[in-house]
């Protein structure tokens, strides 16, 4: 259903696939932004949503990218903001 590459991940490391799927479901962009809303009295959102920051930082934490700058560069067009804003 999801392809041969995904099937290899499921065979070799099923726990990591389950954890990643669970994190994506529980910590989805809409849910993170909803949790962030009550704290907007002290913090604000202009162009960078909390879910965007989480997405970039999670790539570093899960060692998909070696640094925040590398994760930013990979998504620079999609993010539409400067490295300093992030």
PDB file of N, CA and C in Angstrom:
ATOM      1  N   UNK A   1       0.813  -1.193   0.000  1.00  0.00           N
ATOM      2  CA  UNK A   1       0.000   0.000   0.000  1.00  0.00           C
ATOM      3  C   UNK A   1       0.863   1.266   0.000  1.00  0.00           C
ATOM      4  N   UNK A   2       1.902   1.299   0.815  1.00  0.00           N
ATOM      5  CA  UNK A   2       2.739   2.497   0.913  1.00  0.00           C
ATOM      6  C   UNK A   2       4.070   2.365   0.192  1.00  0.00           C
ATOM      7  N   UNK A   3       4.333   1.245  -0.401  1.00  0.00           N
ATOM      8  CA  UNK A   3       5.547   1.105  -1.180  1.00  0.00           C
ATOM      9  C   UNK A   3       6.568   0.179  -0.569  1.00  0.00           C
ATOM     10  N   UNK A   4       7.544  -0.159  -1.399  1.00  0.00           N
ATOM     11  CA  UNK A   4       8.583  -1.101  -0.999  1.00  0.00           C
ATOM     12  C   UNK A   4       9.505  -0.531   0.067  1.00  0.00           C
ATOM     13  N   UNK A   5       9.825   0.757  -0.039  1.00  0.00           N
ATOM     14  CA  UNK A   5      10.723   1.369   0.943  1.00  0.00           C
ATOM     15  C   UNK A   5      10.087   1.339   2.323  1.00  0.00           C
ATOM     16  N   UNK A   6       8.812   1.692   2.400  1.00  0.00           N
ATOM     17  CA  UNK A   6       8.114   1.668   3.683  1.00  0.00           C
ATOM     18  C   UNK A   6       8.060   0.250   4.246  1.00  0.00           C
ATOM     19  N   UNK A   7       7.827  -0.730   3.390  1.00  0.00           N
ATOM     20  CA  UNK A   7       7.779  -2.126   3.825  1.00  0.00           C
ATOM     21  C   UNK A   7       9.108  -2.559   4.439  1.00  0.00           C
ATOM     22  N   UNK A   8      10.218  -2.089   3.864  1.00  0.00           N
ATOM     23  CA  UNK A   8      11.535  -2.422   4.444  1.00  0.00           C
ATOM     24  C   UNK A   8      11.682  -1.847   5.837  1.00  0.00           C
ATOM     25  N   UNK A   9      11.215  -0.594   6.039  1.00  0.00           N
ATOM     26  CA  UNK A   9      11.277   0.010   7.377  1.00  0.00           C
ATOM     27  C   UNK A   9      10.434  -0.783   8.369  1.00  0.00           C
ATOM     28  N   UNK A  10       9.251  -1.211   7.950  1.00  0.00           N
ATOM     29  CA  UNK A  10       8.380  -1.981   8.830  1.00  0.00           C
ATOM     30  C   UNK A  10       9.031  -3.304   9.198  1.00  0.00           C
ATOM     31  N   UNK A  11       9.691  -3.949   8.248  1.00  0.00           N
ATOM     32  CA  UNK A  11      10.367  -5.223   8.517  1.00  0.00           C
ATOM     33  C   UNK A  11      11.555  -5.049   9.453  1.00  0.00           C
ATOM     34  N   UNK A  12      12.394  -4.059   9.183  1.00  0.00           N
ATOM     35  CA  UNK A  12      13.651  -3.891   9.929  1.00  0.00           C
ATOM     36  C   UNK A  12      13.448  -3.219  11.282  1.00  0.00           C
ATOM     37  N   UNK A  13      12.501  -2.271  11.372  1.00  0.00           N
ATOM     38  CA  UNK A  13      12.352  -1.510  12.606  1.00  0.00           C
ATOM     39  C   UNK A  13      10.886  -1.115  12.838  1.00  0.00           C
ATOM     40  N   UNK A  14      10.048  -2.088  13.163  1.00  0.00           N
ATOM     41  CA  UNK A  14       8.616  -1.801  13.300  1.00  0.00           C
ATOM     42  C   UNK A  14       8.292  -0.823  14.429  1.00  0.00           C
ATOM     43  N   UNK A  15       9.060  -0.857  15.501  1.00  0.00           N
ATOM     44  CA  UNK A  15       8.786   0.035  16.635  1.00  0.00           C
ATOM     45  C   UNK A  15       9.006   1.491  16.240  1.00  0.00           C
ATOM     46  N   UNK A  16      10.074   1.768  15.525  1.00  0.00           N
ATOM     47  CA  UNK A  16      10.318   3.156  15.131  1.00  0.00           C
ATOM     48  C   UNK A  16       9.244   3.658  14.167  1.00  0.00           C
ATOM     49  N   UNK A  17       8.722   2.785  13.318  1.00  0.00           N
ATOM     50  CA  UNK A  17       7.637   3.169  12.409  1.00  0.00           C
ATOM     51  C   UNK A  17       6.377   3.477  13.213  1.00  0.00           C
ATOM     52  N   UNK A  18       6.082   2.663  14.219  1.00  0.00           N
ATOM     53  CA  UNK A  18       4.900   2.899  15.054  1.00  0.00           C
ATOM     54  C   UNK A  18       5.038   4.188  15.859  1.00  0.00           C
ATOM     55  N   UNK A  19       6.221   4.419  16.417  1.00  0.00           N
ATOM     56  CA  UNK A  19       6.442   5.639  17.197  1.00  0.00           C
ATOM     57  C   UNK A  19       6.309   6.866  16.311  1.00  0.00           C
ATOM     58  N   UNK A  20       6.899   6.835  15.154  1.00  0.00           N
ATOM     59  CA  UNK A  20       6.810   7.971  14.237  1.00  0.00           C
ATOM     60  C   UNK A  20       5.364   8.241  13.826  1.00  0.00           C
ATOM     61  N   UNK A  21       4.629   7.194  13.516  1.00  0.00           N
ATOM     62  CA  UNK A  21       3.214   7.351  13.156  1.00  0.00           C
ATOM     63  C   UNK A  21       2.389   7.914  14.299  1.00  0.00           C
ATOM     64  N   UNK A  22       2.652   7.426  15.507  1.00  0.00           N
ATOM     65  CA  UNK A  22       1.943   7.928  16.689  1.00  0.00           C
ATOM     66  C   UNK A  22       2.253   9.393  16.926  1.00  0.00           C
ATOM     67  N   UNK A  23       3.525   9.764  16.832  1.00  0.00           N
ATOM     68  CA  UNK A  23       3.901  11.168  17.030  1.00  0.00           C
ATOM     69  C   UNK A  23       3.260  12.074  15.986  1.00  0.00           C
ATOM     70  N   UNK A  24       3.219  11.617  14.748  1.00  0.00           N
ATOM     71  CA  UNK A  24       2.609  12.430  13.702  1.00  0.00           C
ATOM     72  C   UNK A  24       1.113  12.594  13.930  1.00  0.00           C
ATOM     73  N   UNK A  25       0.483  11.575  14.485  1.00  0.00           N
ATOM     74  CA  UNK A  25      -0.963  11.678  14.745  1.00  0.00           C
ATOM     75  C   UNK A  25      -1.253  12.533  15.975  1.00  0.00           C
ATOM     76  N   UNK A  26      -0.536  12.282  17.053  1.00  0.00           N
ATOM     77  CA  UNK A  26      -0.791  13.002  18.308  1.00  0.00           C
ATOM     78  C   UNK A  26      -0.267  14.434  18.234  1.00  0.00           C
ATOM     79  N   UNK A  27       0.892  14.611  17.626  1.00  0.00           N
ATOM     80  CA  UNK A  27       1.507  15.935  17.564  1.00  0.00           C
ATOM     81  C   UNK A  27       1.401  16.524  16.158  1.00  0.00           C
ATOM     82  N   UNK A  28       0.232  16.403  15.563  1.00  0.00           N
ATOM     83  CA  UNK A  28       0.006  16.982  14.247  1.00  0.00           C
ATOM     84  C   UNK A  28      -0.024  18.509  14.329  1.00  0.00           C
ATOM     85  N   UNK A  29       0.108  19.157  13.190  1.00  0.00           N
ATOM     86  CA  UNK A  29       0.187  20.615  13.142  1.00  0.00           C
ATOM     87  C   UNK A  29      -1.040  21.277  13.760  1.00  0.00           C
ATOM     88  N   UNK A  30      -2.225  20.796  13.443  1.00  0.00           N
ATOM     89  CA  UNK A  30      -3.443  21.408  13.992  1.00  0.00           C
ATOM     90  C   UNK A  30      -3.504  21.283  15.507  1.00  0.00           C
ATOM     91  N   UNK A  31      -3.142  20.110  16.018  1.00  0.00           N
ATOM     92  CA  UNK A  31      -3.170  19.892  17.470  1.00  0.00           C
ATOM     93  C   UNK A  31      -2.157  20.788  18.175  1.00  0.00           C
ATOM     94  N   UNK A  32      -0.951  20.892  17.657  1.00  0.00           N
ATOM     95  CA  UNK A  32       0.056  21.750  18.280  1.00  0.00           C
ATOM     96  C   UNK A  32      -0.375  23.209  18.294  1.00  0.00           C
ATOM     97  N   UNK A  33      -0.924  23.682  17.184  1.00  0.00           N
ATOM     98  CA  UNK A  33      -1.376  25.069  17.130  1.00  0.00           C
ATOM     99  C   UNK A  33      -2.545  25.309  18.080  1.00  0.00           C
ATOM    100  N   UNK A  34      -3.410  24.310  18.247  1.00  0.00           N
ATOM    101  CA  UNK A  34      -4.522  24.420  19.197  1.00  0.00           C
ATOM    102  C   UNK A  34      -4.011  24.509  20.625  1.00  0.00           C
ATOM    103  N   UNK A  35      -3.018  23.715  20.966  1.00  0.00           N
ATOM    104  CA  UNK A  35      -2.443  23.768  22.308  1.00  0.00           C
ATOM    105  C   UNK A  35      -1.750  25.102  22.560  1.00  0.00           C
ATOM    106  N   UNK A  36      -1.196  25.677  21.527  1.00  0.00           N
ATOM    107  CA  UNK A  36      -0.466  26.933  21.668  1.00  0.00           C
ATOM    108  C   UNK A  36      -1.407  28.121  21.848  1.00  0.00           C
ATOM    109  N   UNK A  37      -2.636  28.051  21.335  1.00  0.00           N
ATOM    110  CA  UNK A  37      -3.587  29.171  21.370  1.00  0.00           C
ATOM    111  C   UNK A  37      -3.802  29.781  22.752  1.00  0.00           C
ATOM    112  N   UNK A  38      -4.031  29.009  23.806  1.00  0.00           N
ATOM    113  CA  UNK A  38      -4.265  29.630  25.112  1.00  0.00           C
ATOM    114  C   UNK A  38      -3.086  30.478  25.611  1.00  0.00           C
ATOM    115  N   UNK A  39      -1.887  30.200  25.168  1.00  0.00           N
ATOM    116  CA  UNK A  39      -0.711  30.939  25.628  1.00  0.00           C
ATOM    117  C   UNK A  39      -0.450  32.195  24.814  1.00  0.00           C
ATOM    118  N   UNK A  40      -1.322  32.534  23.908  1.00  0.00           N
ATOM    119  CA  UNK A  40      -1.099  33.694  23.057  1.00  0.00           C
ATOM    120  C   UNK A  40      -1.185  35.014  23.802  1.00  0.00           C
ATOM    121  N   UNK A  41      -1.682  35.010  25.027  1.00  0.00           N
ATOM    122  CA  UNK A  41      -1.707  36.252  25.803  1.00  0.00           C
ATOM    123  C   UNK A  41      -0.287  36.739  26.066  1.00  0.00           C
ATOM    124  N   UNK A  42       0.625  35.794  26.254  1.00  0.00           N
ATOM    125  CA  UNK A  42       2.015  36.148  26.523  1.00  0.00           C
ATOM    126  C   UNK A  42       2.892  36.017  25.286  1.00  0.00           C
ATOM    127  N   UNK A  43       2.449  35.245  24.304  1.00  0.00           N
ATOM    128  CA  UNK A  43       3.219  35.019  23.092  1.00  0.00           C
ATOM    129  C   UNK A  43       2.334  35.341  21.897  1.00  0.00           C
ATOM    130  N   UNK A  44       2.927  35.481  20.745  1.00  0.00           N
ATOM    131  CA  UNK A  44       2.146  35.834  19.563  1.00  0.00           C
ATOM    132  C   UNK A  44       2.618  35.058  18.349  1.00  0.00           C
ATOM    133  N   UNK A  45       1.764  35.034  17.342  1.00  0.00           N
ATOM    134  CA  UNK A  45       2.080  34.366  16.084  1.00  0.00           C
ATOM    135  C   UNK A  45       1.965  35.392  14.973  1.00  0.00           C
ATOM    136  N   UNK A  46       3.012  35.566  14.235  1.00  0.00           N
ATOM    137  CA  UNK A  46       2.961  36.424  13.053  1.00  0.00           C
ATOM    138  C   UNK A  46       2.943  35.534  11.825  1.00  0.00           C
ATOM    139  N   UNK A  47       4.092  35.066  11.421  1.00  0.00           N
ATOM    140  CA  UNK A  47       4.148  34.179  10.257  1.00  0.00           C
ATOM    141  C   UNK A  47       4.604  32.775  10.623  1.00  0.00           C
ATOM    142  N   UNK A  48       5.193  32.606  11.777  1.00  0.00           N
ATOM    143  CA  UNK A  48       5.718  31.299  12.175  1.00  0.00           C
ATOM    144  C   UNK A  48       4.754  30.661  13.170  1.00  0.00           C
ATOM    145  N   UNK A  49       4.116  29.588  12.748  1.00  0.00           N
ATOM    146  CA  UNK A  49       3.249  28.862  13.656  1.00  0.00           C
ATOM    147  C   UNK A  49       4.086  27.939  14.541  1.00  0.00           C
ATOM    148  N   UNK A  50       3.561  27.622  15.706  1.00  0.00           N
ATOM    149  CA  UNK A  50       4.258  26.738  16.633  1.00  0.00           C
ATOM    150  C   UNK A  50       4.526  25.388  15.980  1.00  0.00           C
ATOM    151  N   UNK A  51       3.579  24.911  15.184  1.00  0.00           N
ATOM    152  CA  UNK A  51       3.751  23.622  14.515  1.00  0.00           C
ATOM    153  C   UNK A  51       4.908  23.648  13.517  1.00  0.00           C
ATOM    154  N   UNK A  52       5.163  24.808  12.923  1.00  0.00           N
ATOM    155  CA  UNK A  52       6.279  24.943  11.988  1.00  0.00           C
ATOM    156  C   UNK A  52       7.606  24.801  12.718  1.00  0.00           C
ATOM    157  N   UNK A  53       7.703  25.449  13.869  1.00  0.00           N
ATOM    158  CA  UNK A  53       8.921  25.351  14.681  1.00  0.00           C
ATOM    159  C   UNK A  53       9.132  23.903  15.124  1.00  0.00           C
ATOM    160  N   UNK A  54       8.052  23.262  15.560  1.00  0.00           N
ATOM    161  CA  UNK A  54       8.145  21.861  15.967  1.00  0.00           C
ATOM    162  C   UNK A  54       8.621  20.980  14.820  1.00  0.00           C
ATOM    163  N   UNK A  55       8.068  21.204  13.637  1.00  0.00           N
ATOM    164  CA  UNK A  55       8.428  20.398  12.474  1.00  0.00           C
ATOM    165  C   UNK A  55       9.921  20.499  12.164  1.00  0.00           C
ATOM    166  N   UNK A  56      10.442  21.711  12.179  1.00  0.00           N
ATOM    167  CA  UNK A  56      11.864  21.915  11.873  1.00  0.00           C
ATOM    168  C   UNK A  56      12.740  21.308  12.975  1.00  0.00           C
ATOM    169  N   UNK A  57      12.386  21.567  14.224  1.00  0.00           N
ATOM    170  CA  UNK A  57      13.205  21.058  15.329  1.00  0.00           C
ATOM    171  C   UNK A  57      13.134  19.535  15.458  1.00  0.00           C
ATOM    172  N   UNK A  58      11.979  18.950  15.140  1.00  0.00           N
ATOM    173  CA  UNK A  58      11.878  17.494  15.237  1.00  0.00           C
ATOM    174  C   UNK A  58      12.781  16.801  14.228  1.00  0.00           C
ATOM    175  N   UNK A  59      13.034  17.432  13.094  1.00  0.00           N
ATOM    176  CA  UNK A  59      13.954  16.847  12.119  1.00  0.00           C
ATOM    177  C   UNK A  59      15.367  16.753  12.682  1.00  0.00           C
ATOM    178  N   UNK A  60      15.728  17.694  13.525  1.00  0.00           N
ATOM    179  CA  UNK A  60      17.052  17.663  14.156  1.00  0.00           C
ATOM    180  C   UNK A  60      17.059  16.635  15.295  1.00  0.00           C
ATOM    181  N   UNK A  61      16.012  16.638  16.100  1.00  0.00           N
ATOM    182  CA  UNK A  61      15.936  15.721  17.237  1.00  0.00           C
ATOM    183  C   UNK A  61      15.941  14.264  16.775  1.00  0.00           C
ATOM    184  N   UNK A  62      15.217  13.964  15.701  1.00  0.00           N
ATOM    185  CA  UNK A  62      15.167  12.597  15.186  1.00  0.00           C
ATOM    186  C   UNK A  62      16.308  12.281  14.232  1.00  0.00           C
ATOM    187  N   UNK A  63      17.260  13.179  14.152  1.00  0.00           N
ATOM    188  CA  UNK A  63      18.480  13.026  13.351  1.00  0.00           C
ATOM    189  C   UNK A  63      18.208  12.834  11.866  1.00  0.00           C
ATOM    190  N   UNK A  64      17.140  13.449  11.388  1.00  0.00           N
ATOM    191  CA  UNK A  64      16.872  13.451   9.955  1.00  0.00           C
ATOM    192  C   UNK A  64      17.776  14.481   9.295  1.00  0.00           C
ATOM    193  N   UNK A  65      17.966  15.605   9.990  1.00  0.00           N
ATOM    194  CA  UNK A  65      18.864  16.674   9.547  1.00  0.00           C
ATOM    195  C   UNK A  65      19.899  16.920  10.642  1.00  0.00           C
ATOM    196  N   UNK A  66      21.122  17.314  10.259  1.00  0.00           N
ATOM    197  CA  UNK A  66      22.182  17.480  11.260  1.00  0.00           C
ATOM    198  C   UNK A  66      22.069  18.756  12.095  1.00  0.00           C
ATOM    199  N   UNK A  67      21.322  19.768  11.605  1.00  0.00           N
ATOM    200  CA  UNK A  67      21.226  21.031  12.338  1.00  0.00           C
ATOM    201  C   UNK A  67      19.927  21.741  11.979  1.00  0.00           C
ATOM    202  N   UNK A  68      19.580  22.741  12.783  1.00  0.00           N
ATOM    203  CA  UNK A  68      18.389  23.541  12.511  1.00  0.00           C
ATOM    204  C   UNK A  68      18.554  24.263  11.174  1.00  0.00           C
ATOM    205  N   UNK A  69      19.743  24.754  10.917  1.00  0.00           N
ATOM    206  CA  UNK A  69      19.992  25.453   9.646  1.00  0.00           C
ATOM    207  C   UNK A  69      19.784  24.532   8.443  1.00  0.00           C
ATOM    208  N   UNK A  70      20.237  23.294   8.559  1.00  0.00           N
ATOM    209  CA  UNK A  70      20.050  22.333   7.462  1.00  0.00           C
ATOM    210  C   UNK A  70      18.564  22.017   7.271  1.00  0.00           C
ATOM    211  N   UNK A  71      17.835  21.866   8.363  1.00  0.00           N
ATOM    212  CA  UNK A  71      16.399  21.616   8.266  1.00  0.00           C
ATOM    213  C   UNK A  71      15.684  22.822   7.665  1.00  0.00           C
ATOM    214  N   UNK A  72      16.115  24.008   8.047  1.00  0.00           N
ATOM    215  CA  UNK A  72      15.534  25.234   7.487  1.00  0.00           C
ATOM    216  C   UNK A  72      15.798  25.328   5.988  1.00  0.00           C
ATOM    217  N   UNK A  73      17.025  25.085   5.596  1.00  0.00           N
ATOM    218  CA  UNK A  73      17.373  25.175   4.170  1.00  0.00           C
ATOM    219  C   UNK A  73      16.561  24.203   3.327  1.00  0.00           C
ATOM    220  N   UNK A  74      16.291  23.018   3.876  1.00  0.00           N
ATOM    221  CA  UNK A  74      15.530  22.016   3.152  1.00  0.00           C
ATOM    222  C   UNK A  74      14.080  22.462   2.916  1.00  0.00           C
ATOM    223  N   UNK A  75      13.536  23.269   3.829  1.00  0.00           N
ATOM    224  CA  UNK A  75      12.140  23.694   3.744  1.00  0.00           C
ATOM    225  C   UNK A  75      11.991  25.196   3.519  1.00  0.00           C
ATOM    226  N   UNK A  76      13.052  25.863   3.149  1.00  0.00           N
ATOM    227  CA  UNK A  76      13.054  27.319   3.045  1.00  0.00           C
ATOM    228  C   UNK A  76      11.919  27.857   2.174  1.00  0.00           C
ATOM    229  N   UNK A  77      11.682  27.260   1.025  1.00  0.00           N
ATOM    230  CA  UNK A  77      10.623  27.728   0.129  1.00  0.00           C
ATOM    231  C   UNK A  77       9.242  27.551   0.752  1.00  0.00           C
ATOM    232  N   UNK A  78       9.043  26.436   1.420  1.00  0.00           N
ATOM    233  CA  UNK A  78       7.749  26.140   2.034  1.00  0.00           C
ATOM    234  C   UNK A  78       7.473  27.041   3.236  1.00  0.00           C
ATOM    235  N   UNK A  79       8.532  27.352   3.996  1.00  0.00           N
ATOM    236  CA  UNK A  79       8.358  28.136   5.215  1.00  0.00           C
ATOM    237  C   UNK A  79       8.030  29.594   4.932  1.00  0.00           C
ATOM    238  N   UNK A  80       8.701  30.180   3.973  1.00  0.00           N
ATOM    239  CA  UNK A  80       8.445  31.572   3.626  1.00  0.00           C
ATOM    240  C   UNK A  80       8.854  32.564   4.693  1.00  0.00           C
ATOM    241  N   UNK A  81       9.913  32.268   5.412  1.00  0.00           N
ATOM    242  CA  UNK A  81      10.411  33.182   6.429  1.00  0.00           C
ATOM    243  C   UNK A  81      11.929  33.085   6.495  1.00  0.00           C
ATOM    244  N   UNK A  82      12.530  34.023   7.190  1.00  0.00           N
ATOM    245  CA  UNK A  82      13.991  34.039   7.263  1.00  0.00           C
ATOM    246  C   UNK A  82      14.490  33.077   8.333  1.00  0.00           C
ATOM    247  N   UNK A  83      15.748  32.746   8.238  1.00  0.00           N
ATOM    248  CA  UNK A  83      16.386  31.884   9.243  1.00  0.00           C
ATOM    249  C   UNK A  83      16.328  32.548  10.614  1.00  0.00           C
ATOM    250  N   UNK A  84      16.520  33.852  10.665  1.00  0.00           N
ATOM    251  CA  UNK A  84      16.468  34.579  11.948  1.00  0.00           C
ATOM    252  C   UNK A  84      15.070  34.545  12.560  1.00  0.00           C
ATOM    253  N   UNK A  85      14.035  34.624  11.728  1.00  0.00           N
ATOM    254  CA  UNK A  85      12.664  34.559  12.251  1.00  0.00           C
ATOM    255  C   UNK A  85      12.378  33.203  12.866  1.00  0.00           C
ATOM    256  N   UNK A  86      12.951  32.176  12.287  1.00  0.00           N
ATOM    257  CA  UNK A  86      12.747  30.829  12.823  1.00  0.00           C
ATOM    258  C   UNK A  86      13.456  30.691  14.144  1.00  0.00           C
TER     259      UNK A  86
END
